[in-house]
Amino acid sequence: MTTTADRELDTRGLNCPLPILKTKKTLGEMQAGEVLRVVSTDPGSMRDFQAFARQTGHELLEQTTEGSEFIHVLRRR
């Protein structure tokens, strides 16, 4: 599944908690219903983004791995 994103956030090379903090800031600048694609190289980001979505109410649309990169797609609540 490939979801078209309204914005993309590159967090390659950053480790927890920076990808989540940058995602929270970016989502705060977006309108409700818009989609954000986040690219990370932190393996822990898979579980971090699941927890982030549960805690914040943003919808985690998909998570995929492409080589050493982890892709997270969220819809702003």
PDB file of N, CA and C in Angstrom:
ATOM      1  N   MET A   1       0.843  -1.185   0.000  1.00  0.00           N
ATOM      2  CA  MET A   1       0.000   0.000   0.000  1.00  0.00           C
ATOM      3  C   MET A   1       0.887   1.246   0.000  1.00  0.00           C
ATOM      4  N   THR A   2       0.585   2.163  -0.888  1.00  0.00           N
ATOM      5  CA  THR A   2       1.329   3.406  -0.927  1.00  0.00           C
ATOM      6  C   THR A   2       0.344   4.553  -0.781  1.00  0.00           C
ATOM      7  N   THR A   3       0.502   5.304   0.264  1.00  0.00           N
ATOM      8  CA  THR A   3      -0.380   6.418   0.549  1.00  0.00           C
ATOM      9  C   THR A   3       0.309   7.703   0.112  1.00  0.00           C
ATOM     10  N   THR A   4      -0.425   8.568  -0.574  1.00  0.00           N
ATOM     11  CA  THR A   4       0.126   9.856  -0.971  1.00  0.00           C
ATOM     12  C   THR A   4       0.194  10.758   0.255  1.00  0.00           C
ATOM     13  N   ALA A   5       1.374  11.317   0.496  1.00  0.00           N
ATOM     14  CA  ALA A   5       1.584  12.156   1.670  1.00  0.00           C
ATOM     15  C   ALA A   5       1.533  13.635   1.284  1.00  0.00           C
ATOM     16  N   ASP A   6       0.995  14.448   2.191  1.00  0.00           N
ATOM     17  CA  ASP A   6       0.984  15.895   2.004  1.00  0.00           C
ATOM     18  C   ASP A   6       2.354  16.491   2.325  1.00  0.00           C
ATOM     19  N   ARG A   7       3.057  15.863   3.267  1.00  0.00           N
ATOM     20  CA  ARG A   7       4.409  16.314   3.645  1.00  0.00           C
ATOM     21  C   ARG A   7       5.274  15.113   3.937  1.00  0.00           C
ATOM     22  N   GLU A   8       6.588  15.318   3.820  1.00  0.00           N
ATOM     23  CA  GLU A   8       7.540  14.267   4.162  1.00  0.00           C
ATOM     24  C   GLU A   8       8.560  14.838   5.135  1.00  0.00           C
ATOM     25  N   LEU A   9       8.916  14.011   6.123  1.00  0.00           N
ATOM     26  CA  LEU A   9       9.882  14.404   7.146  1.00  0.00           C
ATOM     27  C   LEU A   9      11.035  13.413   7.128  1.00  0.00           C
ATOM     28  N   ASP A  10      12.245  13.928   6.954  1.00  0.00           N
ATOM     29  CA  ASP A  10      13.446  13.092   6.919  1.00  0.00           C
ATOM     30  C   ASP A  10      14.106  13.117   8.296  1.00  0.00           C
ATOM     31  N   THR A  11      14.085  11.974   8.989  1.00  0.00           N
ATOM     32  CA  THR A  11      14.736  11.882  10.303  1.00  0.00           C
ATOM     33  C   THR A  11      15.880  10.873  10.261  1.00  0.00           C
ATOM     34  N   ARG A  12      16.420  10.628   9.064  1.00  0.00           N
ATOM     35  CA  ARG A  12      17.538   9.688   8.927  1.00  0.00           C
ATOM     36  C   ARG A  12      18.702  10.139   9.812  1.00  0.00           C
ATOM     37  N   GLY A  13      19.316   9.171  10.499  1.00  0.00           N
ATOM     38  CA  GLY A  13      20.476   9.460  11.337  1.00  0.00           C
ATOM     39  C   GLY A  13      20.128   9.915  12.746  1.00  0.00           C
ATOM     40  N   LEU A  14      18.851  10.143  13.008  1.00  0.00           N
ATOM     41  CA  LEU A  14      18.429  10.576  14.344  1.00  0.00           C
ATOM     42  C   LEU A  14      17.911   9.380  15.136  1.00  0.00           C
ATOM     43  N   ASN A  15      18.217   9.368  16.425  1.00  0.00           N
ATOM     44  CA  ASN A  15      17.738   8.296  17.295  1.00  0.00           C
ATOM     45  C   ASN A  15      16.703   8.828  18.261  1.00  0.00           C
ATOM     46  N   CYS A  16      15.951   7.900  18.850  1.00  0.00           N
ATOM     47  CA  CYS A  16      14.907   8.209  19.812  1.00  0.00           C
ATOM     48  C   CYS A  16      15.456   9.167  20.871  1.00  0.00           C
ATOM     49  N   PRO A  17      14.730  10.183  21.215  1.00  0.00           N
ATOM     50  CA  PRO A  17      13.343  10.500  20.861  1.00  0.00           C
ATOM     51  C   PRO A  17      13.207  11.503  19.719  1.00  0.00           C
ATOM     52  N   LEU A  18      14.300  11.856  19.038  1.00  0.00           N
ATOM     53  CA  LEU A  18      14.235  12.934  18.049  1.00  0.00           C
ATOM     54  C   LEU A  18      13.257  12.698  16.896  1.00  0.00           C
ATOM     55  N   PRO A  19      13.174  11.487  16.302  1.00  0.00           N
ATOM     56  CA  PRO A  19      12.182  11.321  15.230  1.00  0.00           C
ATOM     57  C   PRO A  19      10.753  11.607  15.690  1.00  0.00           C
ATOM     58  N   ILE A  20      10.418  11.182  16.911  1.00  0.00           N
ATOM     59  CA  ILE A  20       9.072  11.426  17.442  1.00  0.00           C
ATOM     60  C   ILE A  20       8.872  12.915  17.725  1.00  0.00           C
ATOM     61  N   LEU A  21       9.856  13.566  18.299  1.00  0.00           N
ATOM     62  CA  LEU A  21       9.729  15.000  18.608  1.00  0.00           C
ATOM     63  C   LEU A  21       9.559  15.818  17.339  1.00  0.00           C
ATOM     64  N   LYS A  22      10.336  15.510  16.303  1.00  0.00           N
ATOM     65  CA  LYS A  22      10.222  16.230  15.032  1.00  0.00           C
ATOM     66  C   LYS A  22       8.872  15.941  14.364  1.00  0.00           C
ATOM     67  N   THR A  23       8.400  14.704  14.502  1.00  0.00           N
ATOM     68  CA  THR A  23       7.094  14.340  13.944  1.00  0.00           C
ATOM     69  C   THR A  23       5.985  15.116  14.643  1.00  0.00           C
ATOM     70  N   LYS A  24       6.054  15.189  15.969  1.00  0.00           N
ATOM     71  CA  LYS A  24       5.039  15.914  16.745  1.00  0.00           C
ATOM     72  C   LYS A  24       4.995  17.380  16.317  1.00  0.00           C
ATOM     73  N   LYS A  25       6.164  17.997  16.145  1.00  0.00           N
ATOM     74  CA  LYS A  25       6.238  19.399  15.726  1.00  0.00           C
ATOM     75  C   LYS A  25       5.644  19.578  14.329  1.00  0.00           C
ATOM     76  N   THR A  26       6.001  18.701  13.419  1.00  0.00           N
ATOM     77  CA  THR A  26       5.518  18.807  12.039  1.00  0.00           C
ATOM     78  C   THR A  26       4.013  18.595  11.970  1.00  0.00           C
ATOM     79  N   LEU A  27       3.498  17.597  12.678  1.00  0.00           N
ATOM     80  CA  LEU A  27       2.051  17.357  12.692  1.00  0.00           C
ATOM     81  C   LEU A  27       1.307  18.574  13.249  1.00  0.00           C
ATOM     82  N   GLY A  28       1.914  19.251  14.198  1.00  0.00           N
ATOM     83  CA  GLY A  28       1.303  20.444  14.781  1.00  0.00           C
ATOM     84  C   GLY A  28       1.154  21.585  13.783  1.00  0.00           C
ATOM     85  N   GLU A  29       1.963  21.562  12.732  1.00  0.00           N
ATOM     86  CA  GLU A  29       1.910  22.591  11.692  1.00  0.00           C
ATOM     87  C   GLU A  29       0.946  22.213  10.568  1.00  0.00           C
ATOM     88  N   MET A  30       0.410  21.002  10.611  1.00  0.00           N
ATOM     89  CA  MET A  30      -0.438  20.495   9.539  1.00  0.00           C
ATOM     90  C   MET A  30      -1.917  20.615   9.899  1.00  0.00           C
ATOM     91  N   GLN A  31      -2.768  20.496   8.886  1.00  0.00           N
ATOM     92  CA  GLN A  31      -4.219  20.545   9.075  1.00  0.00           C
ATOM     93  C   GLN A  31      -4.742  19.134   9.381  1.00  0.00           C
ATOM     94  N   ALA A  32      -5.866  19.059  10.062  1.00  0.00           N
ATOM     95  CA  ALA A  32      -6.505  17.777  10.353  1.00  0.00           C
ATOM     96  C   ALA A  32      -6.767  17.022   9.054  1.00  0.00           C
ATOM     97  N   GLY A  33      -6.445  15.726   9.053  1.00  0.00           N
ATOM     98  CA  GLY A  33      -6.674  14.882   7.883  1.00  0.00           C
ATOM     99  C   GLY A  33      -5.500  14.812   6.930  1.00  0.00           C
ATOM    100  N   GLU A  34      -4.529  15.721   7.070  1.00  0.00           N
ATOM    101  CA  GLU A  34      -3.362  15.666   6.192  1.00  0.00           C
ATOM    102  C   GLU A  34      -2.474  14.488   6.579  1.00  0.00           C
ATOM    103  N   VAL A  35      -1.688  14.019   5.609  1.00  0.00           N
ATOM    104  CA  VAL A  35      -0.868  12.816   5.786  1.00  0.00           C
ATOM    105  C   VAL A  35       0.615  13.199   5.789  1.00  0.00           C
ATOM    106  N   LEU A  36       1.340  12.641   6.755  1.00  0.00           N
ATOM    107  CA  LEU A  36       2.777  12.868   6.904  1.00  0.00           C
ATOM    108  C   LEU A  36       3.519  11.552   6.714  1.00  0.00           C
ATOM    109  N   ARG A  37       4.542  11.569   5.866  1.00  0.00           N
ATOM    110  CA  ARG A  37       5.417  10.407   5.664  1.00  0.00           C
ATOM    111  C   ARG A  37       6.743  10.718   6.350  1.00  0.00           C
ATOM    112  N   VAL A  38       7.147   9.840   7.272  1.00  0.00           N
ATOM    113  CA  VAL A  38       8.384  10.020   8.029  1.00  0.00           C
ATOM    114  C   VAL A  38       9.360   8.916   7.643  1.00  0.00           C
ATOM    115  N   VAL A  39      10.590   9.300   7.296  1.00  0.00           N
ATOM    116  CA  VAL A  39      11.648   8.341   6.970  1.00  0.00           C
ATOM    117  C   VAL A  39      12.662   8.359   8.106  1.00  0.00           C
ATOM    118  N   SER A  40      12.941   7.175   8.649  1.00  0.00           N
ATOM    119  CA  SER A  40      13.848   7.055   9.796  1.00  0.00           C
ATOM    120  C   SER A  40      14.831   5.911   9.562  1.00  0.00           C
ATOM    121  N   THR A  41      15.975   5.993  10.235  1.00  0.00           N
ATOM    122  CA  THR A  41      16.935   4.885  10.199  1.00  0.00           C
ATOM    123  C   THR A  41      17.054   4.221  11.572  1.00  0.00           C
ATOM    124  N   ASP A  42      16.232   4.660  12.522  1.00  0.00           N
ATOM    125  CA  ASP A  42      16.248   4.111  13.876  1.00  0.00           C
ATOM    126  C   ASP A  42      15.334   2.887  13.937  1.00  0.00           C
ATOM    127  N   PRO A  43      15.901   1.677  14.141  1.00  0.00           N
ATOM    128  CA  PRO A  43      15.059   0.479  14.189  1.00  0.00           C
ATOM    129  C   PRO A  43      13.984   0.547  15.270  1.00  0.00           C
ATOM    130  N   GLY A  44      14.256   1.238  16.355  1.00  0.00           N
ATOM    131  CA  GLY A  44      13.281   1.375  17.427  1.00  0.00           C
ATOM    132  C   GLY A  44      12.084   2.234  17.043  1.00  0.00           C
ATOM    133  N   SER A  45      12.196   2.924  15.917  1.00  0.00           N
ATOM    134  CA  SER A  45      11.105   3.809  15.509  1.00  0.00           C
ATOM    135  C   SER A  45       9.836   3.036  15.165  1.00  0.00           C
ATOM    136  N   MET A  46       9.948   1.770  14.797  1.00  0.00           N
ATOM    137  CA  MET A  46       8.758   0.987  14.468  1.00  0.00           C
ATOM    138  C   MET A  46       7.812   0.937  15.679  1.00  0.00           C
ATOM    139  N   ARG A  47       8.324   0.563  16.827  1.00  0.00           N
ATOM    140  CA  ARG A  47       7.473   0.504  18.033  1.00  0.00           C
ATOM    141  C   ARG A  47       7.188   1.902  18.572  1.00  0.00           C
ATOM    142  N   ASP A  48       8.145   2.823  18.424  1.00  0.00           N
ATOM    143  CA  ASP A  48       7.944   4.187  18.922  1.00  0.00           C
ATOM    144  C   ASP A  48       6.756   4.857  18.236  1.00  0.00           C
ATOM    145  N   PHE A  49       6.648   4.694  16.909  1.00  0.00           N
ATOM    146  CA  PHE A  49       5.556   5.340  16.181  1.00  0.00           C
ATOM    147  C   PHE A  49       4.212   4.676  16.484  1.00  0.00           C
ATOM    148  N   GLN A  50       4.220   3.380  16.765  1.00  0.00           N
ATOM    149  CA  GLN A  50       2.978   2.707  17.162  1.00  0.00           C
ATOM    150  C   GLN A  50       2.478   3.291  18.486  1.00  0.00           C
ATOM    151  N   ALA A  51       3.384   3.448  19.440  1.00  0.00           N
ATOM    152  CA  ALA A  51       3.024   4.006  20.746  1.00  0.00           C
ATOM    153  C   ALA A  51       2.605   5.472  20.603  1.00  0.00           C
ATOM    154  N   PHE A  52       3.316   6.221  19.777  1.00  0.00           N
ATOM    155  CA  PHE A  52       2.994   7.634  19.550  1.00  0.00           C
ATOM    156  C   PHE A  52       1.572   7.787  19.004  1.00  0.00           C
ATOM    157  N   ALA A  53       1.220   6.948  18.042  1.00  0.00           N
ATOM    158  CA  ALA A  53      -0.123   7.016  17.452  1.00  0.00           C
ATOM    159  C   ALA A  53      -1.192   6.683  18.492  1.00  0.00           C
ATOM    160  N   ARG A  54      -0.955   5.658  19.295  1.00  0.00           N
ATOM    161  CA  ARG A  54      -1.917   5.285  20.349  1.00  0.00           C
ATOM    162  C   ARG A  54      -2.106   6.432  21.344  1.00  0.00           C
ATOM    163  N   GLN A  55      -1.010   7.058  21.729  1.00  0.00           N
ATOM    164  CA  GLN A  55      -1.058   8.080  22.775  1.00  0.00           C
ATOM    165  C   GLN A  55      -1.627   9.407  22.289  1.00  0.00           C
ATOM    166  N   THR A  56      -1.461   9.722  21.000  1.00  0.00           N
ATOM    167  CA  THR A  56      -1.850  11.042  20.501  1.00  0.00           C
ATOM    168  C   THR A  56      -3.147  11.049  19.715  1.00  0.00           C
ATOM    169  N   GLY A  57      -3.590   9.889  19.253  1.00  0.00           N
ATOM    170  CA  GLY A  57      -4.814   9.837  18.466  1.00  0.00           C
ATOM    171  C   GLY A  57      -4.597  10.036  16.977  1.00  0.00           C
ATOM    172  N   HIS A  58      -3.360  10.285  16.551  1.00  0.00           N
ATOM    173  CA  HIS A  58      -3.074  10.351  15.125  1.00  0.00           C
ATOM    174  C   HIS A  58      -3.164   8.934  14.575  1.00  0.00           C
ATOM    175  N   GLU A  59      -3.593   8.803  13.319  1.00  0.00           N
ATOM    176  CA  GLU A  59      -3.782   7.483  12.734  1.00  0.00           C
ATOM    177  C   GLU A  59      -2.499   7.020  12.031  1.00  0.00           C
ATOM    178  N   LEU A  60      -1.975   5.874  12.450  1.00  0.00           N
ATOM    179  CA  LEU A  60      -0.813   5.282  11.797  1.00  0.00           C
ATOM    180  C   LEU A  60      -1.327   4.465  10.615  1.00  0.00           C
ATOM    181  N   LEU A  61      -1.170   4.996   9.422  1.00  0.00           N
ATOM    182  CA  LEU A  61      -1.735   4.368   8.223  1.00  0.00           C
ATOM    183  C   LEU A  61      -0.914   3.183   7.748  1.00  0.00           C
ATOM    184  N   GLU A  62       0.412   3.317   7.819  1.00  0.00           N
ATOM    185  CA  GLU A  62       1.265   2.203   7.394  1.00  0.00           C
ATOM    186  C   GLU A  62       2.671   2.371   7.937  1.00  0.00           C
ATOM    187  N   GLN A  63       3.362   1.234   8.016  1.00  0.00           N
ATOM    188  CA  GLN A  63       4.775   1.191   8.381  1.00  0.00           C
ATOM    189  C   GLN A  63       5.426   0.183   7.462  1.00  0.00           C
ATOM    190  N   THR A  64       6.521   0.582   6.837  1.00  0.00           N
ATOM    191  CA  THR A  64       7.244  -0.329   5.960  1.00  0.00           C
ATOM    192  C   THR A  64       8.744  -0.171   6.192  1.00  0.00           C
ATOM    193  N   THR A  65       9.482  -1.181   5.761  1.00  0.00           N
ATOM    194  CA  THR A  65      10.936  -1.141   5.816  1.00  0.00           C
ATOM    195  C   THR A  65      11.461  -1.220   4.396  1.00  0.00           C
ATOM    196  N   GLU A  66      12.334  -0.284   4.052  1.00  0.00           N
ATOM    197  CA  GLU A  66      12.974  -0.266   2.733  1.00  0.00           C
ATOM    198  C   GLU A  66      14.479  -0.254   2.966  1.00  0.00           C
ATOM    199  N   GLY A  67      15.090  -1.435   2.912  1.00  0.00           N
ATOM    200  CA  GLY A  67      16.521  -1.539   3.213  1.00  0.00           C
ATOM    201  C   GLY A  67      16.756  -1.209   4.673  1.00  0.00           C
ATOM    202  N   SER A  68      17.569  -0.179   4.925  1.00  0.00           N
ATOM    203  CA  SER A  68      17.861   0.212   6.311  1.00  0.00           C
ATOM    204  C   SER A  68      16.983   1.377   6.760  1.00  0.00           C
ATOM    205  N   GLU A  69      15.953   1.698   5.966  1.00  0.00           N
ATOM    206  CA  GLU A  69      15.071   2.808   6.307  1.00  0.00           C
ATOM    207  C   GLU A  69      13.691   2.305   6.727  1.00  0.00           C
ATOM    208  N   PHE A  70      13.118   3.013   7.682  1.00  0.00           N
ATOM    209  CA  PHE A  70      11.798   2.680   8.207  1.00  0.00           C
ATOM    210  C   PHE A  70      10.859   3.826   7.848  1.00  0.00           C
ATOM    211  N   ILE A  71       9.774   3.486   7.179  1.00  0.00           N
ATOM    212  CA  ILE A  71       8.829   4.486   6.690  1.00  0.00           C
ATOM    213  C   ILE A  71       7.554   4.417   7.533  1.00  0.00           C
ATOM    214  N   HIS A  72       7.129   5.563   8.040  1.00  0.00           N
ATOM    215  CA  HIS A  72       5.925   5.649   8.858  1.00  0.00           C
ATOM    216  C   HIS A  72       5.009   6.690   8.213  1.00  0.00           C
ATOM    217  N   VAL A  73       3.749   6.321   8.022  1.00  0.00           N
ATOM    218  CA  VAL A  73       2.787   7.238   7.409  1.00  0.00           C
ATOM    219  C   VAL A  73       1.653   7.471   8.403  1.00  0.00           C
ATOM    220  N   LEU A  74       1.467   8.725   8.764  1.00  0.00           N
ATOM    221  CA  LEU A  74       0.457   9.084   9.763  1.00  0.00           C
ATOM    222  C   LEU A  74      -0.527  10.113   9.194  1.00  0.00           C
ATOM    223  N   ARG A  75      -1.776   9.998   9.633  1.00  0.00           N
ATOM    224  CA  ARG A  75      -2.792  11.010   9.295  1.00  0.00           C
ATOM    225  C   ARG A  75      -3.052  11.824  10.556  1.00  0.00           C
ATOM    226  N   ARG A  76      -2.959  13.155  10.402  1.00  0.00           N
ATOM    227  CA  ARG A  76      -3.170  14.035  11.545  1.00  0.00           C
ATOM    228  C   ARG A  76      -4.625  13.988  11.995  1.00  0.00           C
ATOM    229  N   ARG A  77      -4.823  13.936  13.304  1.00  0.00           N
ATOM    230  CA  ARG A  77      -6.193  13.898  13.843  1.00  0.00           C
ATOM    231  C   ARG A  77      -6.833  15.250  13.753  1.00  0.00           C
TER     232      ARG A  77
END
